[in-house]
Amino acid sequence: MTRVPDGSASSRDPAASVNAVTSVNAVTSANAAAARVAHRGLRSGLALRASIAAAGGAVLIAAGILLARAGIVAHTFPPFVAGQTHTTITFYSGPLLTAAIGIGAVAGLLLVAAVTDLWRRRLIGPDLERCHPGLGQ
């Protein structure tokens, strides 16, 4: 409510100012409800994204281990030196080992993304009142 310099009430209608305050409170209440819904959606989205990244990382780790095992093969041949029963020669496949290293790197990035999402979910808290600062708020 505005005041006239002499201290008397302004020409505004008091009922109009009460209606204005009520409409501001309604907008604030609607914004708070929307913020709570967005907060729940953000927490759910972070949990979903973290679980997908962790599952993808686990699958890629398993694939990398299989590729690494396929990339290192021991072949057994008849003995070249007298007194031995056999000769073992290890064969290393460069493309398979390179693929295993690449898949391992991507799996590591996915696991880092999963941990980061879980950390962010923990920081924003279960409700808006207990949010921790530091996430761009």
N, C-alpha and C. Protein backbone atom coordinates (compact mmCIF):
# COMPACT_ATOMS: atom_id res chain seq x y z
N MET A 1 0.84 -1.15 0.00
CA MET A 1 0.00 0.00 0.00
C MET A 1 0.90 1.23 0.00
N THR A 2 0.61 2.20 -0.84
CA THR A 2 1.42 3.42 -0.90
C THR A 2 0.88 4.46 0.06
N ARG A 3 1.75 5.29 0.53
CA ARG A 3 1.36 6.36 1.48
C ARG A 3 1.56 7.72 0.83
N VAL A 4 0.67 8.62 1.20
CA VAL A 4 0.78 10.01 0.77
C VAL A 4 1.71 10.69 1.77
N PRO A 5 2.51 11.69 1.34
CA PRO A 5 3.49 12.29 2.24
C PRO A 5 2.93 12.79 3.55
N ASP A 6 1.67 13.19 3.62
CA ASP A 6 1.16 13.73 4.88
C ASP A 6 0.76 12.62 5.86
N GLY A 7 0.93 11.36 5.50
CA GLY A 7 0.65 10.26 6.41
C GLY A 7 -0.74 9.70 6.30
N SER A 8 -1.62 10.30 5.52
CA SER A 8 -2.97 9.76 5.38
C SER A 8 -2.94 8.56 4.44
N ALA A 9 -4.01 7.76 4.48
CA ALA A 9 -4.08 6.57 3.63
C ALA A 9 -4.16 6.98 2.16
N SER A 10 -3.72 6.14 1.30
CA SER A 10 -3.74 6.46 -0.13
C SER A 10 -5.15 6.36 -0.67
N SER A 11 -5.28 6.68 -1.90
CA SER A 11 -6.60 6.68 -2.51
C SER A 11 -7.00 5.26 -2.93
N ARG A 12 -6.14 4.31 -2.76
CA ARG A 12 -6.47 2.93 -3.14
C ARG A 12 -7.54 2.36 -2.23
N ASP A 13 -8.30 1.47 -2.80
CA ASP A 13 -9.33 0.79 -2.04
C ASP A 13 -8.67 -0.32 -1.20
N PRO A 14 -8.91 -0.39 0.11
CA PRO A 14 -8.29 -1.43 0.94
C PRO A 14 -8.69 -2.84 0.49
N ALA A 15 -9.89 -3.01 0.00
CA ALA A 15 -10.32 -4.34 -0.46
C ALA A 15 -9.49 -4.77 -1.68
N ALA A 16 -9.14 -3.80 -2.54
CA ALA A 16 -8.33 -4.13 -3.71
C ALA A 16 -6.94 -4.58 -3.29
N SER A 17 -6.39 -3.95 -2.25
CA SER A 17 -5.05 -4.36 -1.82
C SER A 17 -5.10 -5.74 -1.18
N VAL A 18 -6.17 -6.08 -0.46
CA VAL A 18 -6.31 -7.43 0.11
C VAL A 18 -6.43 -8.45 -1.01
N ASN A 19 -7.19 -8.13 -2.05
CA ASN A 19 -7.30 -9.04 -3.19
C ASN A 19 -5.95 -9.22 -3.88
N ALA A 20 -5.17 -8.17 -3.97
CA ALA A 20 -3.85 -8.27 -4.59
C ALA A 20 -2.94 -9.18 -3.78
N VAL A 21 -2.97 -9.05 -2.45
CA VAL A 21 -2.15 -9.91 -1.58
C VAL A 21 -2.60 -11.36 -1.70
N THR A 22 -3.91 -11.58 -1.75
CA THR A 22 -4.44 -12.94 -1.89
C THR A 22 -4.00 -13.55 -3.20
N SER A 23 -4.04 -12.78 -4.29
CA SER A 23 -3.61 -13.33 -5.59
C SER A 23 -2.12 -13.61 -5.60
N VAL A 24 -1.33 -12.79 -4.92
CA VAL A 24 0.12 -13.05 -4.83
C VAL A 24 0.36 -14.33 -4.06
N ASN A 25 -0.37 -14.54 -2.95
CA ASN A 25 -0.22 -15.77 -2.18
C ASN A 25 -0.63 -16.99 -2.98
N ALA A 26 -1.67 -16.86 -3.81
CA ALA A 26 -2.11 -17.97 -4.65
C ALA A 26 -1.04 -18.33 -5.68
N VAL A 27 -0.42 -17.31 -6.27
CA VAL A 27 0.65 -17.56 -7.24
C VAL A 27 1.84 -18.21 -6.55
N THR A 28 2.20 -17.72 -5.35
CA THR A 28 3.31 -18.29 -4.62
C THR A 28 3.02 -19.73 -4.24
N SER A 29 1.79 -20.03 -3.85
CA SER A 29 1.40 -21.39 -3.50
C SER A 29 1.47 -22.29 -4.72
N ALA A 30 1.01 -21.80 -5.87
CA ALA A 30 1.08 -22.59 -7.10
C ALA A 30 2.53 -22.83 -7.50
N ASN A 31 3.38 -21.80 -7.35
CA ASN A 31 4.79 -21.97 -7.66
C ASN A 31 5.44 -22.97 -6.73
N ALA A 32 5.09 -22.95 -5.46
CA ALA A 32 5.65 -23.90 -4.50
C ALA A 32 5.23 -25.32 -4.83
N ALA A 33 3.97 -25.50 -5.21
CA ALA A 33 3.50 -26.83 -5.59
C ALA A 33 4.22 -27.32 -6.84
N ALA A 34 4.40 -26.43 -7.80
CA ALA A 34 5.12 -26.81 -9.02
C ALA A 34 6.57 -27.12 -8.71
N ALA A 35 7.17 -26.39 -7.78
CA ALA A 35 8.56 -26.64 -7.41
C ALA A 35 8.69 -28.00 -6.73
N ARG A 36 7.71 -28.37 -5.89
CA ARG A 36 7.76 -29.68 -5.24
C ARG A 36 7.63 -30.80 -6.26
N VAL A 37 6.75 -30.63 -7.24
CA VAL A 37 6.59 -31.64 -8.28
C VAL A 37 7.87 -31.75 -9.11
N ALA A 38 8.46 -30.61 -9.45
CA ALA A 38 9.72 -30.62 -10.22
C ALA A 38 10.84 -31.25 -9.41
N HIS A 39 10.86 -31.00 -8.11
CA HIS A 39 11.89 -31.57 -7.24
C HIS A 39 11.76 -33.09 -7.21
N ARG A 40 10.54 -33.59 -7.05
CA ARG A 40 10.33 -35.03 -7.06
C ARG A 40 10.73 -35.64 -8.41
N GLY A 41 10.37 -34.94 -9.49
CA GLY A 41 10.74 -35.42 -10.82
C GLY A 41 12.23 -35.45 -11.03
N LEU A 42 12.93 -34.44 -10.51
CA LEU A 42 14.38 -34.40 -10.64
C LEU A 42 15.03 -35.54 -9.87
N ARG A 43 14.56 -35.78 -8.65
CA ARG A 43 15.11 -36.88 -7.85
C ARG A 43 14.86 -38.22 -8.52
N SER A 44 13.66 -38.42 -9.06
CA SER A 44 13.33 -39.67 -9.75
C SER A 44 14.17 -39.82 -11.01
N GLY A 45 14.32 -38.73 -11.74
CA GLY A 45 15.12 -38.78 -12.97
C GLY A 45 16.58 -39.09 -12.69
N LEU A 46 17.13 -38.51 -11.64
CA LEU A 46 18.52 -38.79 -11.28
C LEU A 46 18.69 -40.24 -10.87
N ALA A 47 17.75 -40.79 -10.11
CA ALA A 47 17.83 -42.18 -9.70
C ALA A 47 17.74 -43.11 -10.90
N LEU A 48 16.83 -42.81 -11.81
CA LEU A 48 16.68 -43.63 -13.01
C LEU A 48 17.93 -43.57 -13.87
N ARG A 49 18.44 -42.37 -14.07
CA ARG A 49 19.64 -42.22 -14.90
C ARG A 49 20.84 -42.90 -14.27
N ALA A 50 20.96 -42.84 -12.94
CA ALA A 50 22.07 -43.50 -12.25
C ALA A 50 21.96 -45.01 -12.38
N SER A 51 20.75 -45.54 -12.25
CA SER A 51 20.60 -47.00 -12.35
C SER A 51 20.86 -47.49 -13.77
N ILE A 52 20.43 -46.73 -14.76
CA ILE A 52 20.71 -47.12 -16.15
C ILE A 52 22.21 -47.07 -16.42
N ALA A 53 22.88 -46.03 -15.94
CA ALA A 53 24.33 -45.90 -16.16
C ALA A 53 25.08 -47.02 -15.44
N ALA A 54 24.65 -47.36 -14.22
CA ALA A 54 25.32 -48.44 -13.48
C ALA A 54 25.11 -49.79 -14.17
N ALA A 55 23.90 -50.03 -14.64
CA ALA A 55 23.63 -51.29 -15.34
C ALA A 55 24.43 -51.36 -16.65
N GLY A 56 24.47 -50.25 -17.38
CA GLY A 56 25.26 -50.22 -18.61
C GLY A 56 26.74 -50.41 -18.34
N GLY A 57 27.23 -49.81 -17.27
CA GLY A 57 28.63 -49.99 -16.89
C GLY A 57 28.94 -51.43 -16.54
N ALA A 58 28.03 -52.09 -15.82
CA ALA A 58 28.25 -53.50 -15.46
C ALA A 58 28.26 -54.39 -16.69
N VAL A 59 27.35 -54.14 -17.63
CA VAL A 59 27.31 -54.93 -18.86
C VAL A 59 28.59 -54.71 -19.67
N LEU A 60 29.05 -53.46 -19.75
CA LEU A 60 30.27 -53.19 -20.51
C LEU A 60 31.50 -53.78 -19.84
N ILE A 61 31.54 -53.80 -18.52
CA ILE A 61 32.67 -54.43 -17.83
C ILE A 61 32.71 -55.92 -18.17
N ALA A 62 31.54 -56.57 -18.12
CA ALA A 62 31.49 -57.99 -18.48
C ALA A 62 31.93 -58.22 -19.93
N ALA A 63 31.48 -57.35 -20.84
CA ALA A 63 31.88 -57.48 -22.24
C ALA A 63 33.38 -57.25 -22.41
N GLY A 64 33.93 -56.29 -21.67
CA GLY A 64 35.37 -56.04 -21.75
C GLY A 64 36.19 -57.22 -21.24
N ILE A 65 35.71 -57.86 -20.18
CA ILE A 65 36.42 -59.04 -19.66
C ILE A 65 36.38 -60.17 -20.68
N LEU A 66 35.22 -60.38 -21.31
CA LEU A 66 35.12 -61.42 -22.33
C LEU A 66 36.03 -61.12 -23.52
N LEU A 67 36.08 -59.87 -23.94
CA LEU A 67 36.97 -59.50 -25.05
C LEU A 67 38.44 -59.68 -24.68
N ALA A 68 38.79 -59.33 -23.46
CA ALA A 68 40.18 -59.50 -23.04
C ALA A 68 40.56 -60.97 -22.98
N ARG A 69 39.64 -61.80 -22.51
CA ARG A 69 39.93 -63.24 -22.48
C ARG A 69 40.05 -63.82 -23.89
N ALA A 70 39.22 -63.31 -24.80
CA ALA A 70 39.31 -63.79 -26.19
C ALA A 70 40.56 -63.25 -26.88
N GLY A 71 41.07 -62.11 -26.41
CA GLY A 71 42.24 -61.50 -27.03
C GLY A 71 43.56 -62.11 -26.61
N ILE A 72 43.57 -62.92 -25.56
CA ILE A 72 44.80 -63.59 -25.11
C ILE A 72 44.53 -65.09 -25.13
N VAL A 73 45.18 -65.78 -26.07
CA VAL A 73 44.96 -67.21 -26.25
C VAL A 73 46.30 -67.94 -26.16
N ALA A 74 46.32 -69.00 -25.38
CA ALA A 74 47.53 -69.83 -25.26
C ALA A 74 47.36 -71.05 -26.16
N HIS A 75 48.32 -71.22 -27.10
CA HIS A 75 48.32 -72.36 -28.01
C HIS A 75 49.39 -73.34 -27.54
N THR A 76 49.04 -74.62 -27.57
CA THR A 76 49.98 -75.66 -27.15
C THR A 76 50.47 -76.42 -28.39
N PHE A 77 51.80 -76.55 -28.46
CA PHE A 77 52.44 -77.24 -29.59
C PHE A 77 53.30 -78.38 -29.06
N PRO A 78 53.70 -79.27 -29.95
CA PRO A 78 54.62 -80.33 -29.51
C PRO A 78 55.92 -79.71 -28.99
N PRO A 79 56.66 -80.44 -28.18
CA PRO A 79 57.87 -79.86 -27.56
C PRO A 79 58.93 -79.51 -28.60
N PHE A 80 59.55 -78.33 -28.41
CA PHE A 80 60.67 -77.93 -29.24
C PHE A 80 62.00 -78.30 -28.57
N VAL A 81 61.97 -78.38 -27.27
CA VAL A 81 63.17 -78.68 -26.50
C VAL A 81 63.01 -80.08 -25.92
N ALA A 82 64.08 -80.83 -25.97
CA ALA A 82 64.04 -82.19 -25.43
C ALA A 82 63.79 -82.15 -23.93
N GLY A 83 62.97 -83.05 -23.43
CA GLY A 83 62.69 -83.13 -22.01
C GLY A 83 61.40 -82.42 -21.61
N GLN A 84 60.78 -81.70 -22.50
CA GLN A 84 59.51 -81.04 -22.18
C GLN A 84 58.36 -81.83 -22.78
N THR A 85 57.20 -81.69 -22.19
CA THR A 85 56.04 -82.41 -22.72
C THR A 85 55.33 -81.62 -23.83
N HIS A 86 55.38 -80.28 -23.75
CA HIS A 86 54.75 -79.44 -24.77
C HIS A 86 55.35 -78.03 -24.69
N THR A 87 55.07 -77.25 -25.70
CA THR A 87 55.49 -75.84 -25.73
C THR A 87 54.23 -74.99 -25.85
N THR A 88 54.13 -73.99 -24.97
CA THR A 88 52.97 -73.10 -24.98
C THR A 88 53.39 -71.75 -25.53
N ILE A 89 52.65 -71.28 -26.55
CA ILE A 89 52.89 -69.97 -27.14
C ILE A 89 51.61 -69.15 -26.96
N THR A 90 51.78 -67.95 -26.39
CA THR A 90 50.63 -67.08 -26.13
C THR A 90 50.45 -66.14 -27.32
N PHE A 91 49.22 -66.08 -27.80
CA PHE A 91 48.88 -65.22 -28.93
C PHE A 91 48.04 -64.06 -28.41
N TYR A 92 48.44 -62.82 -28.73
CA TYR A 92 47.73 -61.62 -28.32
C TYR A 92 47.07 -60.99 -29.55
N SER A 93 45.77 -60.78 -29.49
CA SER A 93 45.04 -60.16 -30.59
C SER A 93 44.88 -58.67 -30.30
N GLY A 94 45.57 -57.86 -31.07
CA GLY A 94 45.54 -56.42 -30.86
C GLY A 94 44.15 -55.80 -30.96
N PRO A 95 43.37 -56.11 -31.99
CA PRO A 95 42.04 -55.51 -32.10
C PRO A 95 41.12 -55.88 -30.92
N LEU A 96 41.17 -57.13 -30.47
CA LEU A 96 40.32 -57.52 -29.36
C LEU A 96 40.75 -56.84 -28.05
N LEU A 97 42.05 -56.74 -27.83
CA LEU A 97 42.53 -56.08 -26.62
C LEU A 97 42.25 -54.58 -26.65
N THR A 98 42.36 -53.98 -27.82
CA THR A 98 42.04 -52.55 -27.96
C THR A 98 40.55 -52.31 -27.69
N ALA A 99 39.72 -53.19 -28.21
CA ALA A 99 38.28 -53.07 -27.96
C ALA A 99 37.97 -53.24 -26.48
N ALA A 100 38.66 -54.16 -25.82
CA ALA A 100 38.45 -54.37 -24.38
C ALA A 100 38.84 -53.13 -23.59
N ILE A 101 39.94 -52.50 -23.97
CA ILE A 101 40.38 -51.27 -23.29
C ILE A 101 39.38 -50.14 -23.53
N GLY A 102 38.91 -50.00 -24.76
CA GLY A 102 37.93 -48.96 -25.07
C GLY A 102 36.62 -49.16 -24.33
N ILE A 103 36.15 -50.39 -24.31
CA ILE A 103 34.91 -50.69 -23.59
C ILE A 103 35.09 -50.47 -22.10
N GLY A 104 36.26 -50.80 -21.58
CA GLY A 104 36.54 -50.55 -20.16
C GLY A 104 36.52 -49.06 -19.84
N ALA A 105 37.04 -48.25 -20.75
CA ALA A 105 37.03 -46.80 -20.53
C ALA A 105 35.60 -46.25 -20.52
N VAL A 106 34.78 -46.70 -21.46
CA VAL A 106 33.38 -46.26 -21.50
C VAL A 106 32.63 -46.74 -20.26
N ALA A 107 32.91 -47.96 -19.82
CA ALA A 107 32.27 -48.47 -18.60
C ALA A 107 32.67 -47.63 -17.39
N GLY A 108 33.92 -47.23 -17.33
CA GLY A 108 34.36 -46.37 -16.24
C GLY A 108 33.65 -45.03 -16.25
N LEU A 109 33.47 -44.45 -17.43
CA LEU A 109 32.75 -43.18 -17.53
C LEU A 109 31.29 -43.33 -17.11
N LEU A 110 30.67 -44.43 -17.49
CA LEU A 110 29.29 -44.66 -17.07
C LEU A 110 29.18 -44.81 -15.55
N LEU A 111 30.13 -45.49 -14.95
CA LEU A 111 30.10 -45.65 -13.50
C LEU A 111 30.33 -44.31 -12.79
N VAL A 112 31.20 -43.48 -13.34
CA VAL A 112 31.41 -42.14 -12.77
C VAL A 112 30.12 -41.32 -12.89
N ALA A 113 29.44 -41.42 -14.02
CA ALA A 113 28.17 -40.71 -14.20
C ALA A 113 27.12 -41.19 -13.20
N ALA A 114 27.09 -42.50 -12.94
CA ALA A 114 26.12 -43.05 -11.98
C ALA A 114 26.40 -42.53 -10.58
N VAL A 115 27.67 -42.53 -10.18
CA VAL A 115 28.01 -42.03 -8.84
C VAL A 115 27.71 -40.54 -8.73
N THR A 116 27.99 -39.79 -9.78
CA THR A 116 27.71 -38.36 -9.77
C THR A 116 26.21 -38.09 -9.63
N ASP A 117 25.38 -38.84 -10.35
CA ASP A 117 23.94 -38.65 -10.25
C ASP A 117 23.42 -39.00 -8.86
N LEU A 118 23.95 -40.07 -8.28
CA LEU A 118 23.54 -40.43 -6.93
C LEU A 118 23.98 -39.38 -5.93
N TRP A 119 25.16 -38.81 -6.12
CA TRP A 119 25.64 -37.75 -5.23
C TRP A 119 24.76 -36.51 -5.35
N ARG A 120 24.41 -36.14 -6.57
CA ARG A 120 23.52 -35.00 -6.78
C ARG A 120 22.16 -35.24 -6.14
N ARG A 121 21.66 -36.46 -6.26
CA ARG A 121 20.37 -36.80 -5.66
C ARG A 121 20.44 -36.67 -4.15
N ARG A 122 21.55 -37.08 -3.57
CA ARG A 122 21.73 -36.96 -2.13
C ARG A 122 21.81 -35.49 -1.72
N LEU A 123 22.50 -34.68 -2.52
CA LEU A 123 22.66 -33.27 -2.18
C LEU A 123 21.34 -32.50 -2.22
N ILE A 124 20.47 -32.81 -3.18
CA ILE A 124 19.24 -32.05 -3.25
C ILE A 124 18.25 -32.46 -2.17
N GLY A 125 18.48 -33.57 -1.52
CA GLY A 125 17.67 -33.96 -0.38
C GLY A 125 16.30 -34.48 -0.75
N PRO A 126 15.62 -35.07 0.24
CA PRO A 126 14.31 -35.65 -0.04
C PRO A 126 13.21 -34.60 -0.21
N ASP A 127 13.42 -33.40 0.29
CA ASP A 127 12.44 -32.34 0.09
C ASP A 127 13.14 -31.01 -0.10
N LEU A 128 12.40 -30.00 -0.50
CA LEU A 128 12.99 -28.71 -0.83
C LEU A 128 13.55 -27.98 0.39
N GLU A 129 13.02 -28.25 1.56
CA GLU A 129 13.47 -27.52 2.76
C GLU A 129 14.86 -27.94 3.18
N ARG A 130 15.26 -29.16 2.85
CA ARG A 130 16.56 -29.66 3.30
C ARG A 130 17.60 -29.75 2.17
N CYS A 131 17.45 -28.95 1.14
CA CYS A 131 18.42 -28.95 0.04
C CYS A 131 19.75 -28.38 0.53
N HIS A 132 20.84 -28.93 0.00
CA HIS A 132 22.16 -28.41 0.30
C HIS A 132 22.56 -27.45 -0.82
N PRO A 133 23.22 -26.35 -0.50
CA PRO A 133 23.65 -25.43 -1.56
C PRO A 133 24.81 -26.03 -2.35
N GLY A 134 25.04 -25.49 -3.51
CA GLY A 134 26.18 -25.92 -4.31
C GLY A 134 25.81 -26.56 -5.61
N LEU A 135 24.54 -26.62 -5.93
CA LEU A 135 24.12 -27.20 -7.20
C LEU A 135 23.53 -26.18 -8.13
N GLY A 136 23.98 -24.94 -8.02
CA GLY A 136 23.49 -23.89 -8.89
C GLY A 136 22.21 -23.25 -8.42
N GLN A 137 21.88 -23.43 -7.12
CA GLN A 137 20.67 -22.80 -6.60
C GLN A 137 20.93 -21.37 -6.25
